[in-house]
């Protein structure tokens, strides 16, 4: 049979997720960076570059938000987040995607009922 569970308190699946979004307005003229932290499908904190601070979404996110905000006191750090995650990837991806743009055609449209 199966070996005995040596730590029954740690059974199950746990998931920690960090999701990053870059919103580009008019190319790279204005960029919004959003980073969301989740544990077991519950978002506990997020950072929005338009707001400029990390916001706790649950009581468990208090410590994480406090830590991030202590790092964000440096304005260069905030800009580096946008630069590292958004501008860098935009330059790589734009060369590939912009050349693949196709004007919409009637055959690509959704049917109207």
N, C-alpha and C. Protein backbone atom coordinates (compact mmCIF):
# COMPACT_ATOMS: atom_id res chain seq x y z
N UNK A 1 0.81 -1.19 0.00
CA UNK A 1 0.00 0.00 0.00
C UNK A 1 0.85 1.25 0.00
N UNK A 2 0.17 2.36 0.13
CA UNK A 2 0.82 3.67 0.14
C UNK A 2 1.53 3.89 1.47
N UNK A 3 2.66 4.60 1.45
CA UNK A 3 3.35 4.89 2.71
C UNK A 3 2.50 5.80 3.57
N UNK A 4 2.68 5.75 4.89
CA UNK A 4 1.87 6.60 5.77
C UNK A 4 2.20 8.07 5.54
N UNK A 5 1.19 8.93 5.71
CA UNK A 5 1.38 10.38 5.55
C UNK A 5 2.13 10.90 6.77
N UNK A 6 3.35 11.39 6.54
CA UNK A 6 4.18 11.84 7.65
C UNK A 6 3.74 13.19 8.21
N UNK A 7 2.98 13.94 7.43
CA UNK A 7 2.56 15.27 7.89
C UNK A 7 1.13 15.52 7.43
N UNK A 8 0.14 14.97 8.14
CA UNK A 8 -1.24 15.10 7.69
C UNK A 8 -1.74 16.54 7.64
N UNK A 9 -1.10 17.45 8.35
CA UNK A 9 -1.54 18.86 8.33
C UNK A 9 -1.24 19.52 6.99
N UNK A 10 -0.34 18.93 6.19
CA UNK A 10 0.05 19.54 4.92
C UNK A 10 -0.48 18.77 3.71
N UNK A 11 -1.61 18.15 3.85
CA UNK A 11 -2.19 17.48 2.70
C UNK A 11 -3.01 18.49 1.92
N UNK A 12 -3.16 18.27 0.66
CA UNK A 12 -3.94 19.17 -0.18
C UNK A 12 -3.04 19.93 -1.14
N UNK A 13 -3.66 20.74 -1.94
CA UNK A 13 -2.94 21.51 -2.94
C UNK A 13 -3.03 22.98 -2.56
N UNK A 14 -1.90 23.66 -2.60
CA UNK A 14 -1.85 25.08 -2.30
C UNK A 14 -1.28 25.80 -3.51
N UNK A 15 -1.85 26.94 -3.82
CA UNK A 15 -1.43 27.66 -5.00
C UNK A 15 -1.15 29.11 -4.66
N UNK A 16 0.04 29.58 -4.99
CA UNK A 16 0.38 30.99 -4.86
C UNK A 16 0.59 31.50 -6.27
N UNK A 17 -0.04 32.62 -6.58
CA UNK A 17 0.01 33.13 -7.95
C UNK A 17 0.30 34.62 -7.94
N UNK A 18 1.16 35.03 -8.84
CA UNK A 18 1.41 36.45 -9.07
C UNK A 18 1.07 36.72 -10.52
N UNK A 19 0.16 37.63 -10.73
CA UNK A 19 -0.27 37.97 -12.09
C UNK A 19 0.12 39.42 -12.36
N UNK A 20 0.76 39.65 -13.49
CA UNK A 20 1.21 40.99 -13.87
C UNK A 20 0.51 41.39 -15.15
N UNK A 21 -0.01 42.60 -15.17
CA UNK A 21 -0.64 43.14 -16.37
C UNK A 21 -0.01 44.47 -16.71
N UNK A 22 0.19 44.72 -18.00
CA UNK A 22 0.66 46.00 -18.49
C UNK A 22 -0.41 46.54 -19.43
N UNK A 23 -0.91 47.71 -19.13
CA UNK A 23 -1.93 48.34 -19.96
C UNK A 23 -1.27 49.50 -20.71
N UNK A 24 -1.23 49.39 -22.04
CA UNK A 24 -0.58 50.41 -22.87
C UNK A 24 -1.64 51.29 -23.49
N UNK A 25 -1.49 52.58 -23.27
CA UNK A 25 -2.41 53.55 -23.85
C UNK A 25 -1.60 54.39 -24.84
N UNK A 26 -2.02 54.36 -26.10
CA UNK A 26 -1.34 55.11 -27.16
C UNK A 26 0.12 54.67 -27.26
N UNK A 27 0.31 53.38 -27.56
CA UNK A 27 1.67 52.84 -27.61
C UNK A 27 2.24 52.79 -26.21
N UNK A 28 3.40 53.39 -26.03
CA UNK A 28 3.99 53.43 -24.69
C UNK A 28 3.91 54.83 -24.09
N UNK A 29 3.05 55.68 -24.65
CA UNK A 29 2.93 57.04 -24.12
C UNK A 29 2.48 57.03 -22.66
N UNK A 30 1.53 56.16 -22.36
CA UNK A 30 1.08 56.01 -20.97
C UNK A 30 0.97 54.52 -20.69
N UNK A 31 1.61 54.08 -19.62
CA UNK A 31 1.63 52.66 -19.27
C UNK A 31 1.16 52.51 -17.83
N UNK A 32 0.26 51.57 -17.63
CA UNK A 32 -0.24 51.24 -16.30
C UNK A 32 0.20 49.82 -15.97
N UNK A 33 0.86 49.65 -14.83
CA UNK A 33 1.37 48.36 -14.38
C UNK A 33 0.53 47.89 -13.20
N UNK A 34 0.02 46.67 -13.27
CA UNK A 34 -0.78 46.10 -12.18
C UNK A 34 -0.20 44.73 -11.85
N UNK A 35 0.05 44.51 -10.56
CA UNK A 35 0.56 43.22 -10.10
C UNK A 35 -0.35 42.73 -8.99
N UNK A 36 -0.92 41.52 -9.16
CA UNK A 36 -1.86 40.95 -8.20
C UNK A 36 -1.27 39.70 -7.57
N UNK A 37 -1.41 39.58 -6.25
CA UNK A 37 -0.92 38.43 -5.51
C UNK A 37 -2.12 37.65 -4.98
N UNK A 38 -2.13 36.34 -5.28
CA UNK A 38 -3.23 35.48 -4.84
C UNK A 38 -2.69 34.24 -4.14
N UNK A 39 -3.48 33.73 -3.21
CA UNK A 39 -3.19 32.47 -2.56
C UNK A 39 -4.48 31.65 -2.55
N UNK A 40 -4.41 30.44 -3.11
CA UNK A 40 -5.57 29.57 -3.24
C UNK A 40 -6.77 30.32 -3.84
N UNK A 41 -6.52 30.98 -4.95
CA UNK A 41 -7.53 31.69 -5.74
C UNK A 41 -8.12 32.92 -5.08
N UNK A 42 -7.55 33.36 -3.96
CA UNK A 42 -8.03 34.57 -3.29
C UNK A 42 -6.96 35.64 -3.41
N UNK A 43 -7.30 36.75 -4.05
CA UNK A 43 -6.37 37.86 -4.19
C UNK A 43 -6.25 38.56 -2.85
N UNK A 44 -5.02 38.61 -2.31
CA UNK A 44 -4.85 39.22 -1.00
C UNK A 44 -4.20 40.59 -1.05
N UNK A 45 -3.55 40.94 -2.16
CA UNK A 45 -2.97 42.27 -2.30
C UNK A 45 -2.72 42.57 -3.77
N UNK A 46 -2.65 43.85 -4.11
CA UNK A 46 -2.31 44.24 -5.48
C UNK A 46 -1.62 45.59 -5.50
N UNK A 47 -0.81 45.78 -6.53
CA UNK A 47 -0.15 47.05 -6.76
C UNK A 47 -0.64 47.60 -8.09
N UNK A 48 -0.97 48.88 -8.10
CA UNK A 48 -1.42 49.56 -9.31
C UNK A 48 -0.56 50.81 -9.46
N UNK A 49 0.18 50.91 -10.56
CA UNK A 49 1.09 52.05 -10.72
C UNK A 49 0.34 53.38 -10.80
N UNK A 50 -0.92 53.37 -11.21
CA UNK A 50 -1.70 54.61 -11.23
C UNK A 50 -1.98 55.11 -9.81
N UNK A 51 -2.12 54.19 -8.86
CA UNK A 51 -2.35 54.55 -7.47
C UNK A 51 -1.02 54.83 -6.78
N UNK A 52 -0.01 54.02 -7.10
CA UNK A 52 1.33 54.24 -6.57
C UNK A 52 1.65 53.53 -5.28
N UNK A 53 0.73 52.74 -4.77
CA UNK A 53 0.97 51.97 -3.55
C UNK A 53 0.37 50.57 -3.70
N UNK A 54 0.83 49.68 -2.83
CA UNK A 54 0.27 48.34 -2.77
C UNK A 54 -0.94 48.38 -1.84
N UNK A 55 -2.00 47.76 -2.23
CA UNK A 55 -3.25 47.79 -1.47
C UNK A 55 -3.59 46.38 -1.02
N UNK A 56 -3.94 46.23 0.26
CA UNK A 56 -4.35 44.92 0.74
C UNK A 56 -5.80 44.68 0.33
N UNK A 57 -6.08 43.48 -0.12
CA UNK A 57 -7.44 43.12 -0.50
C UNK A 57 -8.11 42.25 0.54
N UNK A 58 -7.32 41.67 1.43
CA UNK A 58 -7.85 40.86 2.53
C UNK A 58 -7.01 41.19 3.77
N UNK A 59 -7.48 40.84 4.96
CA UNK A 59 -6.67 41.06 6.16
C UNK A 59 -5.31 40.37 6.09
N UNK A 60 -5.25 39.21 5.43
CA UNK A 60 -3.97 38.48 5.31
C UNK A 60 -2.97 39.24 4.44
N UNK A 61 -3.42 40.16 3.63
CA UNK A 61 -2.54 40.92 2.76
C UNK A 61 -1.89 42.12 3.41
N UNK A 62 -2.22 42.38 4.67
CA UNK A 62 -1.69 43.56 5.38
C UNK A 62 -0.17 43.57 5.43
N UNK A 63 0.43 42.46 5.82
CA UNK A 63 1.89 42.40 5.96
C UNK A 63 2.58 42.55 4.60
N UNK A 64 2.06 41.90 3.59
CA UNK A 64 2.64 42.01 2.25
C UNK A 64 2.53 43.43 1.73
N UNK A 65 1.38 44.07 1.91
CA UNK A 65 1.20 45.45 1.44
C UNK A 65 2.15 46.38 2.18
N UNK A 66 2.32 46.18 3.47
CA UNK A 66 3.23 47.02 4.24
C UNK A 66 4.65 46.88 3.70
N UNK A 67 5.08 45.64 3.44
CA UNK A 67 6.44 45.41 2.93
C UNK A 67 6.63 46.09 1.58
N UNK A 68 5.70 45.87 0.66
CA UNK A 68 5.81 46.47 -0.67
C UNK A 68 5.85 47.99 -0.58
N UNK A 69 4.99 48.55 0.24
CA UNK A 69 4.94 50.00 0.36
C UNK A 69 6.22 50.57 0.96
N UNK A 70 6.91 49.80 1.80
CA UNK A 70 8.20 50.28 2.32
C UNK A 70 9.24 50.31 1.20
N UNK A 71 9.14 49.42 0.23
CA UNK A 71 10.03 49.43 -0.93
C UNK A 71 9.67 50.55 -1.90
N UNK A 72 8.38 50.86 -1.97
CA UNK A 72 7.89 51.84 -2.95
C UNK A 72 8.16 53.28 -2.55
N UNK A 73 8.73 53.49 -1.36
CA UNK A 73 9.06 54.85 -0.96
C UNK A 73 10.07 55.48 -1.90
N UNK A 74 10.82 54.65 -2.58
CA UNK A 74 11.81 55.10 -3.55
C UNK A 74 11.12 55.24 -4.92
N UNK A 75 10.94 56.45 -5.44
CA UNK A 75 10.25 56.63 -6.73
C UNK A 75 10.93 55.91 -7.89
N UNK A 76 12.25 55.78 -7.82
CA UNK A 76 12.97 55.07 -8.88
C UNK A 76 12.56 53.60 -8.93
N UNK A 77 12.26 53.03 -7.76
CA UNK A 77 11.83 51.63 -7.70
C UNK A 77 10.49 51.45 -8.41
N UNK A 78 9.57 52.40 -8.19
CA UNK A 78 8.26 52.32 -8.85
C UNK A 78 8.42 52.38 -10.36
N UNK A 79 9.24 53.31 -10.85
CA UNK A 79 9.42 53.43 -12.30
C UNK A 79 10.11 52.19 -12.85
N UNK A 80 11.04 51.62 -12.08
CA UNK A 80 11.73 50.42 -12.53
C UNK A 80 10.75 49.27 -12.73
N UNK A 81 9.70 49.18 -11.91
CA UNK A 81 8.70 48.13 -12.09
C UNK A 81 8.05 48.23 -13.47
N UNK A 82 7.62 49.44 -13.82
CA UNK A 82 6.98 49.66 -15.12
C UNK A 82 7.99 49.40 -16.23
N UNK A 83 9.20 49.87 -16.06
CA UNK A 83 10.22 49.74 -17.09
C UNK A 83 10.61 48.28 -17.31
N UNK A 84 10.87 47.55 -16.21
CA UNK A 84 11.31 46.16 -16.31
C UNK A 84 10.21 45.26 -16.88
N UNK A 85 9.00 45.43 -16.40
CA UNK A 85 7.94 44.51 -16.77
C UNK A 85 7.21 44.91 -18.04
N UNK A 86 7.02 46.19 -18.26
CA UNK A 86 6.17 46.62 -19.37
C UNK A 86 6.95 47.10 -20.58
N UNK A 87 7.78 48.10 -20.41
CA UNK A 87 8.50 48.65 -21.56
C UNK A 87 9.40 47.61 -22.21
N UNK A 88 10.11 46.85 -21.40
CA UNK A 88 11.02 45.83 -21.92
C UNK A 88 10.26 44.82 -22.78
N UNK A 89 9.17 44.29 -22.26
CA UNK A 89 8.40 43.29 -23.00
C UNK A 89 7.68 43.89 -24.20
N UNK A 90 7.26 45.14 -24.10
CA UNK A 90 6.58 45.80 -25.23
C UNK A 90 7.50 45.85 -26.44
N UNK A 91 8.75 46.20 -26.22
CA UNK A 91 9.70 46.29 -27.33
C UNK A 91 9.89 44.95 -28.02
N UNK A 92 9.89 43.88 -27.25
CA UNK A 92 10.07 42.54 -27.82
C UNK A 92 8.80 42.09 -28.55
N UNK A 93 7.67 42.21 -27.89
CA UNK A 93 6.41 41.69 -28.43
C UNK A 93 5.87 42.55 -29.57
N UNK A 94 6.04 43.86 -29.49
CA UNK A 94 5.49 44.75 -30.51
C UNK A 94 6.05 44.43 -31.88
N UNK A 95 7.33 44.13 -31.97
CA UNK A 95 7.93 43.79 -33.27
C UNK A 95 7.24 42.59 -33.89
N UNK A 96 6.84 41.65 -33.07
CA UNK A 96 6.21 40.44 -33.55
C UNK A 96 4.73 40.64 -33.85
N UNK A 97 4.01 41.31 -32.95
CA UNK A 97 2.55 41.42 -33.08
C UNK A 97 2.09 42.52 -34.03
N UNK A 98 2.76 43.67 -34.03
CA UNK A 98 2.31 44.78 -34.85
C UNK A 98 2.33 44.40 -36.33
N UNK A 99 3.31 43.63 -36.74
CA UNK A 99 3.38 43.22 -38.14
C UNK A 99 2.29 42.21 -38.50
N UNK A 100 1.63 41.62 -37.52
CA UNK A 100 0.59 40.62 -37.77
C UNK A 100 -0.82 41.18 -37.70
N UNK A 101 -0.94 42.48 -37.52
CA UNK A 101 -2.28 43.07 -37.47
C UNK A 101 -2.98 42.92 -38.80
N UNK A 102 -4.25 42.58 -38.73
CA UNK A 102 -5.06 42.42 -39.93
C UNK A 102 -6.33 43.23 -39.73
N UNK A 103 -6.72 44.01 -40.72
CA UNK A 103 -7.98 44.74 -40.55
C UNK A 103 -9.14 43.77 -40.43
N UNK A 104 -10.13 44.08 -39.61
CA UNK A 104 -11.27 43.17 -39.45
C UNK A 104 -12.05 43.04 -40.76
N UNK A 105 -12.59 41.88 -40.96
CA UNK A 105 -13.42 41.65 -42.14
C UNK A 105 -14.77 41.11 -41.68
N UNK A 106 -15.78 41.20 -42.52
CA UNK A 106 -17.12 40.70 -42.13
C UNK A 106 -17.09 39.24 -41.68
N UNK A 107 -16.21 38.43 -42.27
CA UNK A 107 -16.18 37.01 -41.91
C UNK A 107 -15.62 36.81 -40.51
N UNK A 108 -14.90 37.82 -39.95
CA UNK A 108 -14.35 37.70 -38.62
C UNK A 108 -15.29 38.27 -37.56
N UNK A 109 -16.38 38.87 -37.98
CA UNK A 109 -17.30 39.50 -37.04
C UNK A 109 -18.23 38.48 -36.41
N UNK A 110 -18.71 38.81 -35.23
CA UNK A 110 -19.70 37.95 -34.58
C UNK A 110 -21.05 38.15 -35.25
N UNK A 111 -21.87 37.12 -35.35
CA UNK A 111 -23.19 37.27 -35.95
C UNK A 111 -24.08 38.16 -35.08
N UNK A 112 -24.88 38.98 -35.71
CA UNK A 112 -25.81 39.87 -35.01
C UNK A 112 -27.19 39.23 -35.04
N UNK A 113 -27.80 39.10 -33.89
CA UNK A 113 -29.15 38.48 -33.81
C UNK A 113 -30.18 39.50 -33.52
